[in-house]
């Protein structure tokens, strides 16, 4: 399956971002800890080449701790300040400290000159990765609009979250051409791309195959799959029969099965899992539940 989605408001989001780059001191990038590679916009590397940068691996409570540790080592080795983040008060405090640490040199230079400089940080990332929720946590209230669908934030918004720190909430931004088909499909898994623009049945089958590859036992138990080696629609048949998703007359309810598979993955109901490993570890085979004791 192939996914392409770049609505007009994302082109506008890119223009807004470029316009604001000269006004910021550092960038705070958010990605999904379950997909640390696919959920990072490669365009940002070029746009932020000369900016200090902090990376938060969000939804870390849904990802495998050991995999997250490996990803943090990978990004740290590239000179990127990073941490795992899960929206808790403790992690929010740590994230604020990380941001302030990244801006410390700029702040101290200003103080030496007798200037109480306000650090301006831009929060950015792909749609639906949690930017507005993160800013609300920093602020301590509902200052920005949030939602569990992409495209909620449509304009830039500055928010003062401390005496010397302001953050800018930006619309989620994809890149114009999703050339990496696997990354595009995985972005659809986490809700970055609207459900209406792809074949949900084909996507759900791909997701089930990915889940079985990394969490075979837990996936079978969650969706009552009797034959995990089933292929294509036969795998959706397993879910429909196992979970009792039947229409009148015993017809299988594929639509409900697909919605449940996607929703329960996004909500972390299958257990903590990570679908990607750092590039230098790409030859390492994912462990399944069957190997766990």
Foldseek 3Di string as FASTA:
>chain_A
DFDADADPLQVVLVVQVLVCPVVAQAEEEEAALQERPLFFAPVVCVSCVPHQYEYEHEPQQQADPVQSVQVCVVVVVVVHHYDYAYLDLVRLVVVVVSVCVSCVVVCVVCVVVVHRAAHEYEYATFFQRQRQSSVCSLQVHNPDDDDNAADPDRHWDWDDRDPRYIYIYTHGHHDRDPPPRVSVLVCVLQRSDPPVRDDLLVSLQVLLLLCCQAEVVLSCVVQVAPDSPDHRCVRLVRSQVRVVQADPPRHGDSVVSSVCSSVCSNVSVSGHHHSDHPPVCVVPGHDYCVPPD
